[in-house]
PDB file of all heavy atoms in Angstrom:
ATOM      1  N   TRP A   1       5.316  -1.489   9.414  1.00  0.00           N
ATOM      2  CA  TRP A   1       5.051  -2.269   8.200  1.00  0.00           C
ATOM      3  C   TRP A   1       6.261  -3.150   7.860  1.00  0.00           C
ATOM      4  O   TRP A   1       6.123  -4.327   7.508  1.00  0.00           O
ATOM      5  CB  TRP A   1       4.775  -1.336   7.025  1.00  0.00           C
ATOM      6  CG  TRP A   1       3.484  -0.584   7.044  1.00  0.00           C
ATOM      7  CD1 TRP A   1       3.302   0.717   7.370  1.00  0.00           C
ATOM      8  CD2 TRP A   1       2.177  -1.086   6.695  1.00  0.00           C
ATOM      9  NE1 TRP A   1       1.985   1.076   7.245  1.00  0.00           N
ATOM     10  CE2 TRP A   1       1.273  -0.009   6.837  1.00  0.00           C
ATOM     11  CE3 TRP A   1       1.699  -2.333   6.290  1.00  0.00           C
ATOM     12  CZ2 TRP A   1      -0.089  -0.140   6.575  1.00  0.00           C
ATOM     13  CZ3 TRP A   1       0.345  -2.470   6.024  1.00  0.00           C
ATOM     14  CH2 TRP A   1      -0.534  -1.386   6.172  1.00  0.00           C
ATOM     15  N   PHE A   2       7.440  -2.551   7.978  1.00  0.00           N
ATOM     16  CA  PHE A   2       8.677  -3.254   7.630  1.00  0.00           C
ATOM     17  C   PHE A   2       8.872  -4.490   8.511  1.00  0.00           C
ATOM     18  O   PHE A   2       9.174  -5.584   8.017  1.00  0.00           O
ATOM     19  CB  PHE A   2       9.866  -2.288   7.797  1.00  0.00           C
ATOM     20  CG  PHE A   2      11.193  -2.880   7.425  1.00  0.00           C
ATOM     21  CD1 PHE A   2      11.601  -2.919   6.104  1.00  0.00           C
ATOM     22  CD2 PHE A   2      12.031  -3.383   8.410  1.00  0.00           C
ATOM     23  CE1 PHE A   2      12.839  -3.463   5.759  1.00  0.00           C
ATOM     24  CE2 PHE A   2      13.264  -3.934   8.076  1.00  0.00           C
ATOM     25  CZ  PHE A   2      13.665  -3.964   6.750  1.00  0.00           C
ATOM     26  N   GLU A   3       8.693  -4.314   9.825  1.00  0.00           N
ATOM     27  CA  GLU A   3       8.857  -5.443  10.751  1.00  0.00           C
ATOM     28  C   GLU A   3       7.788  -6.508  10.526  1.00  0.00           C
ATOM     29  O   GLU A   3       8.069  -7.704  10.604  1.00  0.00           O
ATOM     30  CB  GLU A   3       8.803  -4.944  12.201  1.00  0.00           C
ATOM     31  CG  GLU A   3       9.972  -4.071  12.608  1.00  0.00           C
ATOM     32  CD  GLU A   3      11.297  -4.824  12.652  1.00  0.00           C
ATOM     33  OE1 GLU A   3      11.277  -6.066  12.703  1.00  0.00           O
ATOM     34  OE2 GLU A   3      12.347  -4.166  12.633  1.00  0.00           O
ATOM     35  N   LEU A   4       6.579  -6.071  10.227  1.00  0.00           N
ATOM     36  CA  LEU A   4       5.492  -7.012   9.947  1.00  0.00           C
ATOM     37  C   LEU A   4       5.824  -7.855   8.710  1.00  0.00           C
ATOM     38  O   LEU A   4       5.621  -9.070   8.690  1.00  0.00           O
ATOM     39  CB  LEU A   4       4.181  -6.247   9.731  1.00  0.00           C
ATOM     40  CG  LEU A   4       2.933  -7.077   9.414  1.00  0.00           C
ATOM     41  CD1 LEU A   4       2.620  -8.048  10.550  1.00  0.00           C
ATOM     42  CD2 LEU A   4       1.741  -6.161   9.162  1.00  0.00           C
ATOM     43  N   GLY A   5       6.386  -7.197   7.692  1.00  0.00           N
ATOM     44  CA  GLY A   5       6.748  -7.906   6.464  1.00  0.00           C
ATOM     45  C   GLY A   5       7.797  -8.964   6.679  1.00  0.00           C
ATOM     46  O   GLY A   5       7.843  -9.969   5.954  1.00  0.00           O
ATOM     47  N   LYS A   6       8.662  -8.779   7.688  1.00  0.00           N
ATOM     48  CA  LYS A   6       9.737  -9.746   7.929  1.00  0.00           C
ATOM     49  C   LYS A   6       9.248 -11.007   8.633  1.00  0.00           C
ATOM     50  O   LYS A   6       9.887 -12.054   8.536  1.00  0.00           O
ATOM     51  CB  LYS A   6      10.851  -9.096   8.764  1.00  0.00           C
ATOM     52  CG  LYS A   6      11.682  -8.104   7.967  1.00  0.00           C
ATOM     53  CD  LYS A   6      13.059  -7.907   8.562  1.00  0.00           C
ATOM     54  CE  LYS A   6      12.999  -7.116   9.845  1.00  0.00           C
ATOM     55  NZ  LYS A   6      14.340  -6.722  10.321  1.00  0.00           N
ATOM     56  N   ILE A   7       8.120 -10.923   9.363  1.00  0.00           N
ATOM     57  CA  ILE A   7       7.697 -12.088  10.151  1.00  0.00           C
ATOM     58  C   ILE A   7       6.373 -12.687   9.698  1.00  0.00           C
ATOM     59  O   ILE A   7       6.003 -13.760  10.157  1.00  0.00           O
ATOM     60  CB  ILE A   7       7.610 -11.735  11.661  1.00  0.00           C
ATOM     61  CG1 ILE A   7       6.590 -10.611  11.906  1.00  0.00           C
ATOM     62  CG2 ILE A   7       8.960 -11.372  12.213  1.00  0.00           C
ATOM     63  CD1 ILE A   7       6.334 -10.337  13.383  1.00  0.00           C
ATOM     64  N   ILE A   8       5.682 -12.024   8.779  1.00  0.00           N
ATOM     65  CA  ILE A   8       4.403 -12.575   8.322  1.00  0.00           C
ATOM     66  C   ILE A   8       4.700 -13.845   7.518  1.00  0.00           C
ATOM     67  O   ILE A   8       5.612 -13.864   6.695  1.00  0.00           O
ATOM     68  CB  ILE A   8       3.615 -11.520   7.515  1.00  0.00           C
ATOM     69  CG1 ILE A   8       2.109 -11.756   7.625  1.00  0.00           C
ATOM     70  CG2 ILE A   8       4.071 -11.432   6.075  1.00  0.00           C
ATOM     71  CD1 ILE A   8       1.269 -10.543   7.292  1.00  0.00           C
ATOM     72  N   PRO A   9       3.988 -14.954   7.755  1.00  0.00           N
ATOM     73  CA  PRO A   9       4.409 -16.261   7.213  1.00  0.00           C
ATOM     74  C   PRO A   9       4.456 -16.358   5.688  1.00  0.00           C
ATOM     75  O   PRO A   9       5.453 -16.784   5.126  1.00  0.00           O
ATOM     76  CB  PRO A   9       3.374 -17.237   7.785  1.00  0.00           C
ATOM     77  CG  PRO A   9       2.765 -16.536   8.931  1.00  0.00           C
ATOM     78  CD  PRO A   9       2.824 -15.078   8.642  1.00  0.00           C
ATOM     79  N   ASP A  10       3.363 -15.978   5.024  1.00  0.00           N
ATOM     80  CA  ASP A  10       3.339 -16.121   3.560  1.00  0.00           C
ATOM     81  C   ASP A  10       2.286 -15.190   2.984  1.00  0.00           C
ATOM     82  O   ASP A  10       1.561 -14.520   3.713  1.00  0.00           O
ATOM     83  CB  ASP A  10       3.042 -17.575   3.150  1.00  0.00           C
ATOM     84  CG  ASP A  10       1.804 -18.136   3.843  1.00  0.00           C
ATOM     85  OD1 ASP A  10       0.765 -17.439   3.845  1.00  0.00           O
ATOM     86  OD2 ASP A  10       1.869 -19.239   4.391  1.00  0.00           O
ATOM     87  N   LYS A  11       2.183 -15.163   1.640  1.00  0.00           N
ATOM     88  CA  LYS A  11       1.269 -14.208   1.020  1.00  0.00           C
ATOM     89  C   LYS A  11      -0.203 -14.571   1.258  1.00  0.00           C
ATOM     90  O   LYS A  11      -1.054 -13.690   1.253  1.00  0.00           O
ATOM     91  CB  LYS A  11       1.564 -14.063  -0.473  1.00  0.00           C
ATOM     92  CG  LYS A  11       1.342 -15.284  -1.309  1.00  0.00           C
ATOM     93  CD  LYS A  11       1.741 -14.974  -2.744  1.00  0.00           C
ATOM     94  CE  LYS A  11       1.569 -16.186  -3.638  1.00  0.00           C
ATOM     95  NZ  LYS A  11       2.056 -15.937  -4.990  1.00  0.00           N
ATOM     96  N   ASN A  12      -0.489 -15.843   1.501  1.00  0.00           N
ATOM     97  CA  ASN A  12      -1.869 -16.220   1.848  1.00  0.00           C
ATOM     98  C   ASN A  12      -2.286 -15.564   3.163  1.00  0.00           C
ATOM     99  O   ASN A  12      -3.398 -15.072   3.306  1.00  0.00           O
ATOM    100  CB  ASN A  12      -1.995 -17.750   1.975  1.00  0.00           C
ATOM    101  CG  ASN A  12      -1.842 -18.452   0.645  1.00  0.00           C
ATOM    102  OD1 ASN A  12      -1.712 -17.804  -0.389  1.00  0.00           O
ATOM    103  ND2 ASN A  12      -1.839 -19.765   0.671  1.00  0.00           N
ATOM    104  N   PHE A  13      -1.336 -15.558   4.113  1.00  0.00           N
ATOM    105  CA  PHE A  13      -1.614 -14.984   5.428  1.00  0.00           C
ATOM    106  C   PHE A  13      -1.817 -13.472   5.334  1.00  0.00           C
ATOM    107  O   PHE A  13      -2.634 -12.899   6.057  1.00  0.00           O
ATOM    108  CB  PHE A  13      -0.462 -15.307   6.378  1.00  0.00           C
ATOM    109  CG  PHE A  13      -0.734 -15.003   7.819  1.00  0.00           C
ATOM    110  CD1 PHE A  13      -1.271 -15.957   8.662  1.00  0.00           C
ATOM    111  CD2 PHE A  13      -0.474 -13.741   8.344  1.00  0.00           C
ATOM    112  CE1 PHE A  13      -1.529 -15.667   9.998  1.00  0.00           C
ATOM    113  CE2 PHE A  13      -0.721 -13.442   9.670  1.00  0.00           C
ATOM    114  CZ  PHE A  13      -1.254 -14.417  10.497  1.00  0.00           C
ATOM    115  N   ILE A  14      -1.074 -12.835   4.427  1.00  0.00           N
ATOM    116  CA  ILE A  14      -1.153 -11.372   4.290  1.00  0.00           C
ATOM    117  C   ILE A  14      -2.587 -10.929   4.047  1.00  0.00           C
ATOM    118  O   ILE A  14      -3.079  -9.975   4.655  1.00  0.00           O
ATOM    119  CB  ILE A  14      -0.266 -10.875   3.128  1.00  0.00           C
ATOM    120  CG1 ILE A  14       1.205 -11.118   3.446  1.00  0.00           C
ATOM    121  CG2 ILE A  14      -0.491  -9.384   2.866  1.00  0.00           C
ATOM    122  CD1 ILE A  14       2.137 -10.877   2.273  1.00  0.00           C
ATOM    123  N   PHE A  15      -3.257 -11.653   3.133  1.00  0.00           N
ATOM    124  CA  PHE A  15      -4.614 -11.233   2.753  1.00  0.00           C
ATOM    125  C   PHE A  15      -5.686 -11.701   3.739  1.00  0.00           C
ATOM    126  O   PHE A  15      -6.856 -11.391   3.582  1.00  0.00           O
ATOM    127  CB  PHE A  15      -4.925 -11.729   1.335  1.00  0.00           C
ATOM    128  CG  PHE A  15      -4.060 -11.069   0.291  1.00  0.00           C
ATOM    129  CD1 PHE A  15      -3.072 -11.785  -0.360  1.00  0.00           C
ATOM    130  CD2 PHE A  15      -4.208  -9.730  -0.015  1.00  0.00           C
ATOM    131  CE1 PHE A  15      -2.263 -11.182  -1.308  1.00  0.00           C
ATOM    132  CE2 PHE A  15      -3.408  -9.115  -0.951  1.00  0.00           C
ATOM    133  CZ  PHE A  15      -2.430  -9.835  -1.600  1.00  0.00           C
ATOM    134  N   SER A  16      -5.258 -12.454   4.759  1.00  0.00           N
ATOM    135  CA  SER A  16      -6.218 -12.847   5.799  1.00  0.00           C
ATOM    136  C   SER A  16      -6.191 -11.863   6.966  1.00  0.00           C
ATOM    137  O   SER A  16      -6.998 -11.961   7.881  1.00  0.00           O
ATOM    138  CB  SER A  16      -5.881 -14.256   6.315  1.00  0.00           C
ATOM    139  OG  SER A  16      -4.659 -14.251   7.039  1.00  0.00           O
ATOM    140  N   VAL A  17      -5.248 -10.917   6.936  1.00  0.00           N
ATOM    141  CA  VAL A  17      -5.100  -9.932   8.017  1.00  0.00           C
ATOM    142  C   VAL A  17      -5.817  -8.636   7.623  1.00  0.00           C
ATOM    143  O   VAL A  17      -5.730  -8.188   6.482  1.00  0.00           O
ATOM    144  CB  VAL A  17      -3.601  -9.652   8.275  1.00  0.00           C
ATOM    145  CG1 VAL A  17      -3.436  -8.576   9.331  1.00  0.00           C
ATOM    146  CG2 VAL A  17      -2.896 -10.925   8.706  1.00  0.00           C
ATOM    147  N   ALA A  18      -6.528  -8.056   8.590  1.00  0.00           N
ATOM    148  CA  ALA A  18      -7.276  -6.816   8.333  1.00  0.00           C
ATOM    149  C   ALA A  18      -6.341  -5.619   8.394  1.00  0.00           C
ATOM    150  O   ALA A  18      -6.214  -4.943   9.425  1.00  0.00           O
ATOM    151  CB  ALA A  18      -8.407  -6.666   9.350  1.00  0.00           C
ATOM    152  N   LEU A  19      -5.664  -5.337   7.297  1.00  0.00           N
ATOM    153  CA  LEU A  19      -4.750  -4.190   7.233  1.00  0.00           C
ATOM    154  C   LEU A  19      -5.494  -2.946   6.779  1.00  0.00           C
ATOM    155  O   LEU A  19      -6.488  -3.043   6.049  1.00  0.00           O
ATOM    156  CB  LEU A  19      -3.600  -4.500   6.253  1.00  0.00           C
ATOM    157  CG  LEU A  19      -2.691  -5.674   6.648  1.00  0.00           C
ATOM    158  CD1 LEU A  19      -1.764  -6.042   5.498  1.00  0.00           C
ATOM    159  CD2 LEU A  19      -1.880  -5.329   7.896  1.00  0.00           C
ATOM    160  N   PRO A  20      -5.041  -1.766   7.174  1.00  0.00           N
ATOM    161  CA  PRO A  20      -5.742  -0.537   6.776  1.00  0.00           C
ATOM    162  C   PRO A  20      -5.659  -0.299   5.271  1.00  0.00           C
ATOM    163  O   PRO A  20      -4.625  -0.561   4.650  1.00  0.00           O
ATOM    164  CB  PRO A  20      -4.986   0.562   7.542  1.00  0.00           C
ATOM    165  CG  PRO A  20      -3.644  -0.016   7.829  1.00  0.00           C
ATOM    166  CD  PRO A  20      -3.858  -1.483   8.009  1.00  0.00           C
ATOM    167  N   GLU A  21      -6.762   0.167   4.682  1.00  0.00           N
ATOM    168  CA  GLU A  21      -6.778   0.476   3.245  1.00  0.00           C
ATOM    169  C   GLU A  21      -6.180   1.862   3.038  1.00  0.00           C
ATOM    170  O   GLU A  21      -6.885   2.859   3.026  1.00  0.00           O
ATOM    171  CB  GLU A  21      -8.221   0.391   2.705  1.00  0.00           C
ATOM    172  CG  GLU A  21      -8.783  -1.024   2.692  1.00  0.00           C
ATOM    173  CD  GLU A  21      -7.909  -2.006   1.933  1.00  0.00           C
ATOM    174  OE1 GLU A  21      -7.366  -1.637   0.869  1.00  0.00           O
ATOM    175  OE2 GLU A  21      -7.756  -3.141   2.401  1.00  0.00           O
ATOM    176  N   HIS A  22      -4.881   1.884   2.906  1.00  0.00           N
ATOM    177  CA  HIS A  22      -4.121   3.123   2.805  1.00  0.00           C
ATOM    178  C   HIS A  22      -3.137   2.952   1.663  1.00  0.00           C
ATOM    179  O   HIS A  22      -2.720   1.834   1.365  1.00  0.00           O
ATOM    180  CB  HIS A  22      -3.398   3.362   4.140  1.00  0.00           C
ATOM    181  CG  HIS A  22      -2.768   4.710   4.275  1.00  0.00           C
ATOM    182  ND1 HIS A  22      -1.557   5.027   3.714  1.00  0.00           N
ATOM    183  CD2 HIS A  22      -3.173   5.828   4.944  1.00  0.00           C
ATOM    184  CE1 HIS A  22      -1.240   6.268   4.017  1.00  0.00           C
ATOM    185  NE2 HIS A  22      -2.208   6.783   4.765  1.00  0.00           N
ATOM    186  N   TRP A  23      -2.722   4.041   1.023  1.00  0.00           N
ATOM    187  CA  TRP A  23      -1.812   3.905  -0.120  1.00  0.00           C
ATOM    188  C   TRP A  23      -0.502   3.212   0.244  1.00  0.00           C
ATOM    189  O   TRP A  23       0.113   2.528  -0.582  1.00  0.00           O
ATOM    190  CB  TRP A  23      -1.521   5.269  -0.751  1.00  0.00           C
ATOM    191  CG  TRP A  23      -0.815   6.278   0.107  1.00  0.00           C
ATOM    192  CD1 TRP A  23      -1.382   7.307   0.795  1.00  0.00           C
ATOM    193  CD2 TRP A  23       0.597   6.346   0.379  1.00  0.00           C
ATOM    194  NE1 TRP A  23      -0.418   8.023   1.480  1.00  0.00           N
ATOM    195  CE2 TRP A  23       0.804   7.463   1.233  1.00  0.00           C
ATOM    196  CE3 TRP A  23       1.702   5.597  -0.016  1.00  0.00           C
ATOM    197  CZ2 TRP A  23       2.069   7.816   1.709  1.00  0.00           C
ATOM    198  CZ3 TRP A  23       2.962   5.949   0.450  1.00  0.00           C
ATOM    199  CH2 TRP A  23       3.133   7.046   1.298  1.00  0.00           C
ATOM    200  N   ILE A  24      -0.083   3.344   1.503  1.00  0.00           N
ATOM    201  CA  ILE A  24       1.189   2.734   1.905  1.00  0.00           C
ATOM    202  C   ILE A  24       1.109   1.204   1.904  1.00  0.00           C
ATOM    203  O   ILE A  24       2.140   0.513   1.836  1.00  0.00           O
ATOM    204  CB  ILE A  24       1.619   3.270   3.296  1.00  0.00           C
ATOM    205  CG1 ILE A  24       3.145   3.133   3.460  1.00  0.00           C
ATOM    206  CG2 ILE A  24       0.873   2.571   4.412  1.00  0.00           C
ATOM    207  CD1 ILE A  24       3.696   3.850   4.680  1.00  0.00           C
ATOM    208  N   LYS A  25      -0.114   0.680   1.951  1.00  0.00           N
ATOM    209  CA  LYS A  25      -0.289  -0.775   1.958  1.00  0.00           C
ATOM    210  C   LYS A  25       0.296  -1.405   0.690  1.00  0.00           C
ATOM    211  O   LYS A  25       0.859  -2.501   0.745  1.00  0.00           O
ATOM    212  CB  LYS A  25      -1.782  -1.124   2.084  1.00  0.00           C
ATOM    213  CG  LYS A  25      -2.068  -2.624   2.066  1.00  0.00           C
ATOM    214  CD  LYS A  25      -3.554  -2.903   2.151  1.00  0.00           C
ATOM    215  CE  LYS A  25      -3.857  -4.374   1.960  1.00  0.00           C
ATOM    216  NZ  LYS A  25      -5.319  -4.655   1.984  1.00  0.00           N
ATOM    217  N   SER A  26       0.170  -0.716  -0.447  1.00  0.00           N
ATOM    218  CA  SER A  26       0.705  -1.278  -1.690  1.00  0.00           C
ATOM    219  C   SER A  26       2.232  -1.358  -1.639  1.00  0.00           C
ATOM    220  O   SER A  26       2.830  -2.301  -2.150  1.00  0.00           O
ATOM    221  CB  SER A  26       0.243  -0.457  -2.892  1.00  0.00           C
ATOM    222  OG  SER A  26       0.614   0.896  -2.758  1.00  0.00           O
TER     223      SER A  26
END
């Protein structure tokens, strides 16, 4: 998650990715 957060382009892109619905996602 940490590495993904460093390279994901912007917050628009975050919500376009199918991430698991898990408490750690928040």
